[in-house]
C-alpha atoms as a PDB file:
ATOM      1  CA  UNK A   1      -6.528 122.343 119.003  1.00  0.00           C
ATOM      2  CA  UNK A   2      -5.861 118.974 117.561  1.00  0.00           C
ATOM      3  CA  UNK A   3      -5.402 115.827 119.933  1.00  0.00           C
ATOM      4  CA  UNK A   4      -1.666 115.615 119.084  1.00  0.00           C
ATOM      5  CA  UNK A   5      -1.275 119.375 119.892  1.00  0.00           C
ATOM      6  CA  UNK A   6      -3.068 119.013 123.234  1.00  0.00           C
ATOM      7  CA  UNK A   7      -0.774 116.176 124.194  1.00  0.00           C
ATOM      8  CA  UNK A   8       2.289 118.067 123.278  1.00  0.00           C
ATOM      9  CA  UNK A   9       0.988 121.076 125.127  1.00  0.00           C
ATOM     10  CA  UNK A  10       0.292 118.993 128.187  1.00  0.00           C
ATOM     11  CA  UNK A  11       3.724 117.414 128.083  1.00  0.00           C
ATOM     12  CA  UNK A  12       5.355 120.807 127.694  1.00  0.00           C
ATOM     13  CA  UNK A  13       3.250 122.277 130.629  1.00  0.00           C
ATOM     14  CA  UNK A  14       4.205 119.345 132.784  1.00  0.00           C
ATOM     15  CA  UNK A  15       7.926 119.770 131.970  1.00  0.00           C
ATOM     16  CA  UNK A  16       7.575 123.572 132.800  1.00  0.00           C
ATOM     17  CA  UNK A  17       5.949 122.697 136.158  1.00  0.00           C
ATOM     18  CA  UNK A  18       8.648 120.183 136.942  1.00  0.00           C
ATOM     19  CA  UNK A  19      11.330 122.708 136.278  1.00  0.00           C
ATOM     20  CA  UNK A  20       9.686 125.280 138.366  1.00  0.00           C
ATOM     21  CA  UNK A  21       9.458 122.821 141.288  1.00  0.00           C
ATOM     22  CA  UNK A  22      13.155 121.756 140.910  1.00  0.00           C
ATOM     23  CA  UNK A  23      14.237 125.438 140.663  1.00  0.00           C
ATOM     24  CA  UNK A  24      12.471 126.192 143.928  1.00  0.00           C
ATOM     25  CA  UNK A  25      13.890 123.313 145.952  1.00  0.00           C
ATOM     26  CA  UNK A  26      17.365 123.537 144.334  1.00  0.00           C
ATOM     27  CA  UNK A  27      17.563 127.302 145.231  1.00  0.00           C
ATOM     28  CA  UNK A  28      17.051 126.294 148.911  1.00  0.00           C
ATOM     29  CA  UNK A  29      19.442 123.288 148.844  1.00  0.00           C
ATOM     30  CA  UNK A  30      22.227 124.908 146.902  1.00  0.00           C
ATOM     31  CA  UNK A  31      22.221 127.923 149.122  1.00  0.00           C
ATOM     32  CA  UNK A  32      22.632 125.590 152.090  1.00  0.00           C
ATOM     33  CA  UNK A  33      25.450 123.545 150.484  1.00  0.00           C
ATOM     34  CA  UNK A  34      27.648 126.730 150.327  1.00  0.00           C
ATOM     35  CA  UNK A  35      27.402 127.157 154.143  1.00  0.00           C
ATOM     36  CA  UNK A  36      29.338 125.635 157.112  1.00  0.00           C
ATOM     37  CA  UNK A  37      30.511 122.040 157.022  1.00  0.00           C
ATOM     38  CA  UNK A  38      30.227 120.294 160.307  1.00  0.00           C
ATOM     39  CA  UNK A  39      31.201 116.661 159.610  1.00  0.00           C
ATOM     40  CA  UNK A  40      34.337 114.689 159.035  1.00  0.00           C
ATOM     41  CA  UNK A  41      35.231 112.403 156.148  1.00  0.00           C
ATOM     42  CA  UNK A  42      32.565 109.579 155.511  1.00  0.00           C
ATOM     43  CA  UNK A  43      32.864 107.085 158.261  1.00  0.00           C
ATOM     44  CA  UNK A  44      32.558 103.248 157.944  1.00  0.00           C
ATOM     45  CA  UNK A  45      30.620 102.937 161.258  1.00  0.00           C
ATOM     46  CA  UNK A  46      27.341 102.749 159.522  1.00  0.00           C
ATOM     47  CA  UNK A  47      26.848 101.611 155.943  1.00  0.00           C
ATOM     48  CA  UNK A  48      24.562 103.515 153.518  1.00  0.00           C
ATOM     49  CA  UNK A  49      24.613 101.964 150.076  1.00  0.00           C
ATOM     50  CA  UNK A  50      23.971 103.746 146.688  1.00  0.00           C
ATOM     51  CA  UNK A  51      25.194 107.208 147.717  1.00  0.00           C
ATOM     52  CA  UNK A  52      27.859 106.999 144.856  1.00  0.00           C
ATOM     53  CA  UNK A  53      24.994 107.139 142.306  1.00  0.00           C
ATOM     54  CA  UNK A  54      24.158 110.606 143.627  1.00  0.00           C
ATOM     55  CA  UNK A  55      27.706 111.806 144.064  1.00  0.00           C
ATOM     56  CA  UNK A  56      27.387 111.862 147.895  1.00  0.00           C
ATOM     57  CA  UNK A  57      29.582 108.952 148.914  1.00  0.00           C
ATOM     58  CA  UNK A  58      32.687 111.052 149.562  1.00  0.00           C
ATOM     59  CA  UNK A  59      31.080 114.435 150.411  1.00  0.00           C
ATOM     60  CA  UNK A  60      31.531 116.038 153.786  1.00  0.00           C
ATOM     61  CA  UNK A  61      28.318 116.178 155.707  1.00  0.00           C
ATOM     62  CA  UNK A  62      26.805 119.672 155.381  1.00  0.00           C
ATOM     63  CA  UNK A  63      24.487 121.023 158.010  1.00  0.00           C
ATOM     64  CA  UNK A  64      21.578 123.130 156.584  1.00  0.00           C
ATOM     65  CA  UNK A  65      20.903 126.360 158.303  1.00  0.00           C
ATOM     66  CA  UNK A  66      17.717 126.886 160.256  1.00  0.00           C
ATOM     67  CA  UNK A  67      16.141 129.163 157.624  1.00  0.00           C
ATOM     68  CA  UNK A  68      16.528 126.596 154.911  1.00  0.00           C
ATOM     69  CA  UNK A  69      15.187 123.789 157.072  1.00  0.00           C
ATOM     70  CA  UNK A  70      12.083 125.895 157.985  1.00  0.00           C
ATOM     71  CA  UNK A  71      11.623 126.676 154.189  1.00  0.00           C
ATOM     72  CA  UNK A  72      11.698 122.956 153.280  1.00  0.00           C
ATOM     73  CA  UNK A  73       9.327 122.141 156.164  1.00  0.00           C
ATOM     74  CA  UNK A  74       6.850 124.675 154.841  1.00  0.00           C
ATOM     75  CA  UNK A  75       6.795 123.263 151.233  1.00  0.00           C
ATOM     76  CA  UNK A  76       3.785 121.262 150.103  1.00  0.00           C
ATOM     77  CA  UNK A  77       5.618 118.384 148.301  1.00  0.00           C
ATOM     78  CA  UNK A  78       2.269 116.641 147.438  1.00  0.00           C
ATOM     79  CA  UNK A  79       1.187 119.782 145.728  1.00  0.00           C
ATOM     80  CA  UNK A  80       4.342 120.268 143.851  1.00  0.00           C
ATOM     81  CA  UNK A  81       4.162 116.813 142.531  1.00  0.00           C
ATOM     82  CA  UNK A  82       0.807 117.566 140.909  1.00  0.00           C
ATOM     83  CA  UNK A  83      -1.071 114.292 140.012  1.00  0.00           C
ATOM     84  CA  UNK A  84       2.028 112.173 140.321  1.00  0.00           C
ATOM     85  CA  UNK A  85       1.639 109.213 142.724  1.00  0.00           C
ATOM     86  CA  UNK A  86       5.487 108.813 143.039  1.00  0.00           C
ATOM     87  CA  UNK A  87       6.280 110.064 146.529  1.00  0.00           C
ATOM     88  CA  UNK A  88       9.872 110.985 146.371  1.00  0.00           C
ATOM     89  CA  UNK A  89      12.178 113.978 145.620  1.00  0.00           C
ATOM     90  CA  UNK A  90      15.886 114.584 144.845  1.00  0.00           C
ATOM     91  CA  UNK A  91      16.096 115.991 148.416  1.00  0.00           C
ATOM     92  CA  UNK A  92      15.821 112.468 149.747  1.00  0.00           C
ATOM     93  CA  UNK A  93      19.448 111.318 149.033  1.00  0.00           C
ATOM     94  CA  UNK A  94      20.737 114.606 150.480  1.00  0.00           C
ATOM     95  CA  UNK A  95      18.935 113.862 153.747  1.00  0.00           C
ATOM     96  CA  UNK A  96      19.911 110.127 153.752  1.00  0.00           C
ATOM     97  CA  UNK A  97      23.751 110.868 153.334  1.00  0.00           C
ATOM     98  CA  UNK A  98      23.591 112.845 156.694  1.00  0.00           C
ATOM     99  CA  UNK A  99      22.077 110.053 158.653  1.00  0.00           C
ATOM    100  CA  UNK A 100      25.307 108.300 159.747  1.00  0.00           C
ATOM    101  CA  UNK A 101      26.224 111.486 161.571  1.00  0.00           C
ATOM    102  CA  UNK A 102      23.467 110.640 163.984  1.00  0.00           C
ATOM    103  CA  UNK A 103      23.785 106.920 164.294  1.00  0.00           C
ATOM    104  CA  UNK A 104      25.012 105.745 167.849  1.00  0.00           C
ATOM    105  CA  UNK A 105      27.824 103.838 166.290  1.00  0.00           C
ATOM    106  CA  UNK A 106      29.199 107.033 164.679  1.00  0.00           C
ATOM    107  CA  UNK A 107      28.503 109.859 167.083  1.00  0.00           C
ATOM    108  CA  UNK A 108      27.747 109.675 170.803  1.00  0.00           C
ATOM    109  CA  UNK A 109      26.877 113.513 171.083  1.00  0.00           C
ATOM    110  CA  UNK A 110      24.567 114.812 168.484  1.00  0.00           C
ATOM    111  CA  UNK A 111      22.128 117.573 167.641  1.00  0.00           C
ATOM    112  CA  UNK A 112      18.845 115.606 167.878  1.00  0.00           C
ATOM    113  CA  UNK A 113      16.935 118.758 167.084  1.00  0.00           C
ATOM    114  CA  UNK A 114      18.533 118.927 163.618  1.00  0.00           C
ATOM    115  CA  UNK A 115      18.027 115.211 163.101  1.00  0.00           C
ATOM    116  CA  UNK A 116      14.308 115.482 164.036  1.00  0.00           C
ATOM    117  CA  UNK A 117      13.891 118.273 161.381  1.00  0.00           C
ATOM    118  CA  UNK A 118      15.616 116.425 158.502  1.00  0.00           C
ATOM    119  CA  UNK A 119      13.649 113.363 159.525  1.00  0.00           C
ATOM    120  CA  UNK A 120      10.308 115.349 159.371  1.00  0.00           C
ATOM    121  CA  UNK A 121      11.207 116.677 155.897  1.00  0.00           C
ATOM    122  CA  UNK A 122      11.849 113.213 154.816  1.00  0.00           C
ATOM    123  CA  UNK A 123       8.519 111.862 156.095  1.00  0.00           C
ATOM    124  CA  UNK A 124       6.759 114.817 154.685  1.00  0.00           C
ATOM    125  CA  UNK A 125       8.129 114.142 151.171  1.00  0.00           C
ATOM    126  CA  UNK A 126       7.183 110.495 151.448  1.00  0.00           C
ATOM    127  CA  UNK A 127       3.803 111.210 152.924  1.00  0.00           C
ATOM    128  CA  UNK A 128       4.504 108.782 155.764  1.00  0.00           C
ATOM    129  CA  UNK A 129       2.668 109.027 159.059  1.00  0.00           C
ATOM    130  CA  UNK A 130       5.091 109.829 161.816  1.00  0.00           C
ATOM    131  CA  UNK A 131       3.170 108.155 164.643  1.00  0.00           C
ATOM    132  CA  UNK A 132       4.976 104.905 164.805  1.00  0.00           C
ATOM    133  CA  UNK A 133       8.236 106.519 163.618  1.00  0.00           C
ATOM    134  CA  UNK A 134       8.470 108.759 166.639  1.00  0.00           C
ATOM    135  CA  UNK A 135       8.276 105.875 168.997  1.00  0.00           C
ATOM    136  CA  UNK A 136      11.503 104.406 167.677  1.00  0.00           C
ATOM    137  CA  UNK A 137      14.956 105.053 168.977  1.00  0.00           C
ATOM    138  CA  UNK A 138      17.430 107.058 166.971  1.00  0.00           C
ATOM    139  CA  UNK A 139      19.136 103.964 165.754  1.00  0.00           C
ATOM    140  CA  UNK A 140      15.820 102.416 164.658  1.00  0.00           C
ATOM    141  CA  UNK A 141      14.645 105.613 163.012  1.00  0.00           C
ATOM    142  CA  UNK A 142      17.829 105.659 160.861  1.00  0.00           C
ATOM    143  CA  UNK A 143      17.395 101.972 159.936  1.00  0.00           C
ATOM    144  CA  UNK A 144      13.819 102.830 158.777  1.00  0.00           C
ATOM    145  CA  UNK A 145      14.870 105.742 156.641  1.00  0.00           C
ATOM    146  CA  UNK A 146      17.712 103.811 155.130  1.00  0.00           C
ATOM    147  CA  UNK A 147      15.548 100.867 154.285  1.00  0.00           C
ATOM    148  CA  UNK A 148      12.975 103.128 152.834  1.00  0.00           C
ATOM    149  CA  UNK A 149      15.667 105.032 150.774  1.00  0.00           C
ATOM    150  CA  UNK A 150      16.894 101.623 149.375  1.00  0.00           C
ATOM    151  CA  UNK A 151      13.318 100.800 148.329  1.00  0.00           C
ATOM    152  CA  UNK A 152      13.140 103.908 146.204  1.00  0.00           C
ATOM    153  CA  UNK A 153      16.504 103.588 144.603  1.00  0.00           C
ATOM    154  CA  UNK A 154      15.798  99.979 143.622  1.00  0.00           C
ATOM    155  CA  UNK A 155      12.481 101.166 141.978  1.00  0.00           C
ATOM    156  CA  UNK A 156      13.078 102.257 138.371  1.00  0.00           C
ATOM    157  CA  UNK A 157      10.000 104.494 138.562  1.00  0.00           C
ATOM    158  CA  UNK A 158      11.295 106.270 141.664  1.00  0.00           C
ATOM    159  CA  UNK A 159      14.974 106.638 140.718  1.00  0.00           C
ATOM    160  CA  UNK A 160      14.738 109.378 138.047  1.00  0.00           C
ATOM    161  CA  UNK A 161      12.767 111.634 140.509  1.00  0.00           C
ATOM    162  CA  UNK A 162      15.701 111.303 143.083  1.00  0.00           C
ATOM    163  CA  UNK A 163      18.210 112.657 140.582  1.00  0.00           C
ATOM    164  CA  UNK A 164      19.216 116.245 140.938  1.00  0.00           C
ATOM    165  CA  UNK A 165      19.157 117.881 137.520  1.00  0.00           C
ATOM    166  CA  UNK A 166      17.729 120.699 135.470  1.00  0.00           C
ATOM    167  CA  UNK A 167      17.639 118.731 132.410  1.00  0.00           C
ATOM    168  CA  UNK A 168      14.505 117.504 130.666  1.00  0.00           C
ATOM    169  CA  UNK A 169      13.308 113.905 131.238  1.00  0.00           C
ATOM    170  CA  UNK A 170      13.325 111.195 132.041  1.00  0.00           C
ATOM    171  CA  UNK A 171      12.891 109.981 128.470  1.00  0.00           C
ATOM    172  CA  UNK A 172      12.598 106.316 127.296  1.00  0.00           C
ATOM    173  CA  UNK A 173      12.753 106.745 123.526  1.00  0.00           C
ATOM    174  CA  UNK A 174      10.825 104.517 121.201  1.00  0.00           C
ATOM    175  CA  UNK A 175      11.635 100.792 120.710  1.00  0.00           C
ATOM    176  CA  UNK A 176      13.047 100.170 117.297  1.00  0.00           C
ATOM    177  CA  UNK A 177      11.643  96.954 115.883  1.00  0.00           C
ATOM    178  CA  UNK A 178      12.970  96.716 112.361  1.00  0.00           C
ATOM    179  CA  UNK A 179      14.956  93.615 111.593  1.00  0.00           C
ATOM    180  CA  UNK A 180      17.355  95.066 109.050  1.00  0.00           C
ATOM    181  CA  UNK A 181      21.026  95.422 109.909  1.00  0.00           C
ATOM    182  CA  UNK A 182      21.946  99.039 110.837  1.00  0.00           C
ATOM    183  CA  UNK A 183      25.237 100.629 109.684  1.00  0.00           C
ATOM    184  CA  UNK A 184      26.996 101.969 112.759  1.00  0.00           C
ATOM    185  CA  UNK A 185      28.156 105.544 112.753  1.00  0.00           C
ATOM    186  CA  UNK A 186      29.694 105.557 116.221  1.00  0.00           C
ATOM    187  CA  UNK A 187      30.572 102.962 118.773  1.00  0.00           C
ATOM    188  CA  UNK A 188      31.563 102.998 122.407  1.00  0.00           C
ATOM    189  CA  UNK A 189      32.905 100.021 124.259  1.00  0.00           C
ATOM    190  CA  UNK A 190      31.545  99.330 127.794  1.00  0.00           C
ATOM    191  CA  UNK A 191      31.985  96.758 130.559  1.00  0.00           C
ATOM    192  CA  UNK A 192      28.870  94.828 129.344  1.00  0.00           C
ATOM    193  CA  UNK A 193      29.592  95.095 125.632  1.00  0.00           C
ATOM    194  CA  UNK A 194      28.960  98.080 123.153  1.00  0.00           C
ATOM    195  CA  UNK A 195      26.786 101.062 122.493  1.00  0.00           C
ATOM    196  CA  UNK A 196      26.203 101.673 118.887  1.00  0.00           C
ATOM    197  CA  UNK A 197      24.752 104.909 117.179  1.00  0.00           C
ATOM    198  CA  UNK A 198      23.113 104.451 113.759  1.00  0.00           C
ATOM    199  CA  UNK A 199      20.717 106.292 111.488  1.00  0.00           C
ATOM    200  CA  UNK A 200      17.626 104.925 109.872  1.00  0.00           C
ATOM    201  CA  UNK A 201      14.980 106.964 107.928  1.00  0.00           C
ATOM    202  CA  UNK A 202      16.330 110.223 109.440  1.00  0.00           C
ATOM    203  CA  UNK A 203      15.979 108.683 112.935  1.00  0.00           C
ATOM    204  CA  UNK A 204      18.745 108.361 115.391  1.00  0.00           C
ATOM    205  CA  UNK A 205      18.911 104.734 116.733  1.00  0.00           C
ATOM    206  CA  UNK A 206      20.952 103.683 119.664  1.00  0.00           C
ATOM    207  CA  UNK A 207      21.717 100.068 120.184  1.00  0.00           C
ATOM    208  CA  UNK A 208      22.994  98.310 123.263  1.00  0.00           C
ATOM    209  CA  UNK A 209      24.873  95.014 122.530  1.00  0.00           C
ATOM    210  CA  UNK A 210      26.355  92.216 124.681  1.00  0.00           C
ATOM    211  CA  UNK A 211      29.979  91.322 124.407  1.00  0.00           C
ATOM    212  CA  UNK A 212      28.821  88.332 122.200  1.00  0.00           C
ATOM    213  CA  UNK A 213      27.259  90.713 119.769  1.00  0.00           C
ATOM    214  CA  UNK A 214      23.591  89.979 120.726  1.00  0.00           C
ATOM    215  CA  UNK A 215      21.309  93.008 120.772  1.00  0.00           C
ATOM    216  CA  UNK A 216      20.021  93.928 124.190  1.00  0.00           C
ATOM    217  CA  UNK A 217      17.743  96.716 123.066  1.00  0.00           C
ATOM    218  CA  UNK A 218      17.436  99.249 120.274  1.00  0.00           C
ATOM    219  CA  UNK A 219      15.795 102.746 120.722  1.00  0.00           C
ATOM    220  CA  UNK A 220      14.771 105.710 118.511  1.00  0.00           C
ATOM    221  CA  UNK A 221      16.122 108.565 120.536  1.00  0.00           C
ATOM    222  CA  UNK A 222      13.505 111.238 121.139  1.00  0.00           C
ATOM    223  CA  UNK A 223      13.295 114.314 123.372  1.00  0.00           C
ATOM    224  CA  UNK A 224      10.767 116.843 124.548  1.00  0.00           C
ATOM    225  CA  UNK A 225       7.403 116.616 122.613  1.00  0.00           C
ATOM    226  CA  UNK A 226       8.702 113.268 121.084  1.00  0.00           C
ATOM    227  CA  UNK A 227      10.878 115.102 118.520  1.00  0.00           C
ATOM    228  CA  UNK A 228      13.716 113.032 117.065  1.00  0.00           C
ATOM    229  CA  UNK A 229      17.154 113.788 118.507  1.00  0.00           C
ATOM    230  CA  UNK A 230      20.052 114.073 116.042  1.00  0.00           C
ATOM    231  CA  UNK A 231      23.778 114.369 116.069  1.00  0.00           C
ATOM    232  CA  UNK A 232      24.168 111.812 118.926  1.00  0.00           C
ATOM    233  CA  UNK A 233      27.812 111.725 120.021  1.00  0.00           C
ATOM    234  CA  UNK A 234      29.788 110.233 122.964  1.00  0.00           C
ATOM    235  CA  UNK A 235      31.845 112.591 125.133  1.00  0.00           C
ATOM    236  CA  UNK A 236      35.507 111.941 125.825  1.00  0.00           C
ATOM    237  CA  UNK A 237      35.738 109.188 128.391  1.00  0.00           C
ATOM    238  CA  UNK A 238      32.015 108.849 128.397  1.00  0.00           C
ATOM    239  CA  UNK A 239      31.404 105.896 130.593  1.00  0.00           C
ATOM    240  CA  UNK A 240      30.748 106.033 134.452  1.00  0.00           C
ATOM    241  CA  UNK A 241      30.136 103.089 136.604  1.00  0.00           C
ATOM    242  CA  UNK A 242      28.539 103.034 140.100  1.00  0.00           C
ATOM    243  CA  UNK A 243      26.522 100.774 142.432  1.00  0.00           C
ATOM    244  CA  UNK A 244      23.294 101.636 140.827  1.00  0.00           C
ATOM    245  CA  UNK A 245      23.887 102.190 137.061  1.00  0.00           C
ATOM    246  CA  UNK A 246      26.100 102.302 134.102  1.00  0.00           C
ATOM    247  CA  UNK A 247      26.069 105.912 132.930  1.00  0.00           C
ATOM    248  CA  UNK A 248      26.938 107.026 129.294  1.00  0.00           C
ATOM    249  CA  UNK A 249      27.661 110.759 128.849  1.00  0.00           C
ATOM    250  CA  UNK A 250      26.547 111.908 125.369  1.00  0.00           C
ATOM    251  CA  UNK A 251      25.544 114.921 123.401  1.00  0.00           C
ATOM    252  CA  UNK A 252      22.451 115.216 121.124  1.00  0.00           C
ATOM    253  CA  UNK A 253      21.570 118.316 119.053  1.00  0.00           C
ATOM    254  CA  UNK A 254      24.552 120.005 120.832  1.00  0.00           C
ATOM    255  CA  UNK A 255      23.118 119.522 124.213  1.00  0.00           C
ATOM    256  CA  UNK A 256      24.043 117.149 127.033  1.00  0.00           C
ATOM    257  CA  UNK A 257      22.461 113.766 127.114  1.00  0.00           C
ATOM    258  CA  UNK A 258      22.923 111.504 130.115  1.00  0.00           C
ATOM    259  CA  UNK A 259      21.996 107.779 129.570  1.00  0.00           C
ATOM    260  CA  UNK A 260      21.420 105.378 132.502  1.00  0.00           C
ATOM    261  CA  UNK A 261      21.636 101.638 132.057  1.00  0.00           C
ATOM    262  CA  UNK A 262      21.635  98.578 134.236  1.00  0.00           C
ATOM    263  CA  UNK A 263      25.184  97.029 134.753  1.00  0.00           C
ATOM    264  CA  UNK A 264      24.291  94.303 132.197  1.00  0.00           C
ATOM    265  CA  UNK A 265      23.293  96.969 129.594  1.00  0.00           C
ATOM    266  CA  UNK A 266      19.527  96.855 129.994  1.00  0.00           C
ATOM    267  CA  UNK A 267      17.876 100.298 129.378  1.00  0.00           C
ATOM    268  CA  UNK A 268      16.778 102.508 132.239  1.00  0.00           C
ATOM    269  CA  UNK A 269      16.126 106.073 131.064  1.00  0.00           C
ATOM    270  CA  UNK A 270      17.934 109.224 129.874  1.00  0.00           C
ATOM    271  CA  UNK A 271      17.898 113.070 130.417  1.00  0.00           C
ATOM    272  CA  UNK A 272      18.504 115.627 127.754  1.00  0.00           C
ATOM    273  CA  UNK A 273      19.518 119.278 128.503  1.00  0.00           C
ATOM    274  CA  UNK A 274      17.244 121.978 127.433  1.00  0.00           C
END
């Protein structure tokens, strides 16, 4: 097997491994989501930022059943991550959005047994020693978990791993460094400026521009095994804005492509459906 083939095989194997891991966990979590709701509308008694990025800011709090909690507690998250040193998981936001239900400012009577279990799952995912954590009060524990959650969301290496998706990725494309002017085939206005799709030497180039016309970045759009993506289109009403990212909803090769950018148009990453 040639070196390139080996690299492609390794990348494909890694992607398959990630999908299997995501399938296992999503099966547990999605079953739980269909069960009994026990909370009220989101309360303003304790602020947790960034939940809108994960679509959890307006969701009622859902109590996971005992069987699902036990299933998560038995999972070896370190093993499932393989050789990755990024200690996070897309279950993390689903745990964090439940925390305010247990903060003393929001609830004077609470199921501490349930809180202890979701906290244990959180610490297990993050591989954090619980010795000092267990000495804290409920409010201090919640503050600790919130601060740790913020640190992950604000880290571009961690954020993609916290996103619930079956799509391939994250992908980062290939920087396009040619200086020649590209002819736009599609454009999309944004709050920071414009996104422009162009073709160059049978490659699909996506450009991010400031409102003043200056280029922020240009990328050759690639997918699994570094293949070139084609037929890149914007969906109807493609732009979404939240507290973490500007999101562009697109299609490439007839499949969903979700592009994440900083609010000023800087590149983050994208996912492509498989």
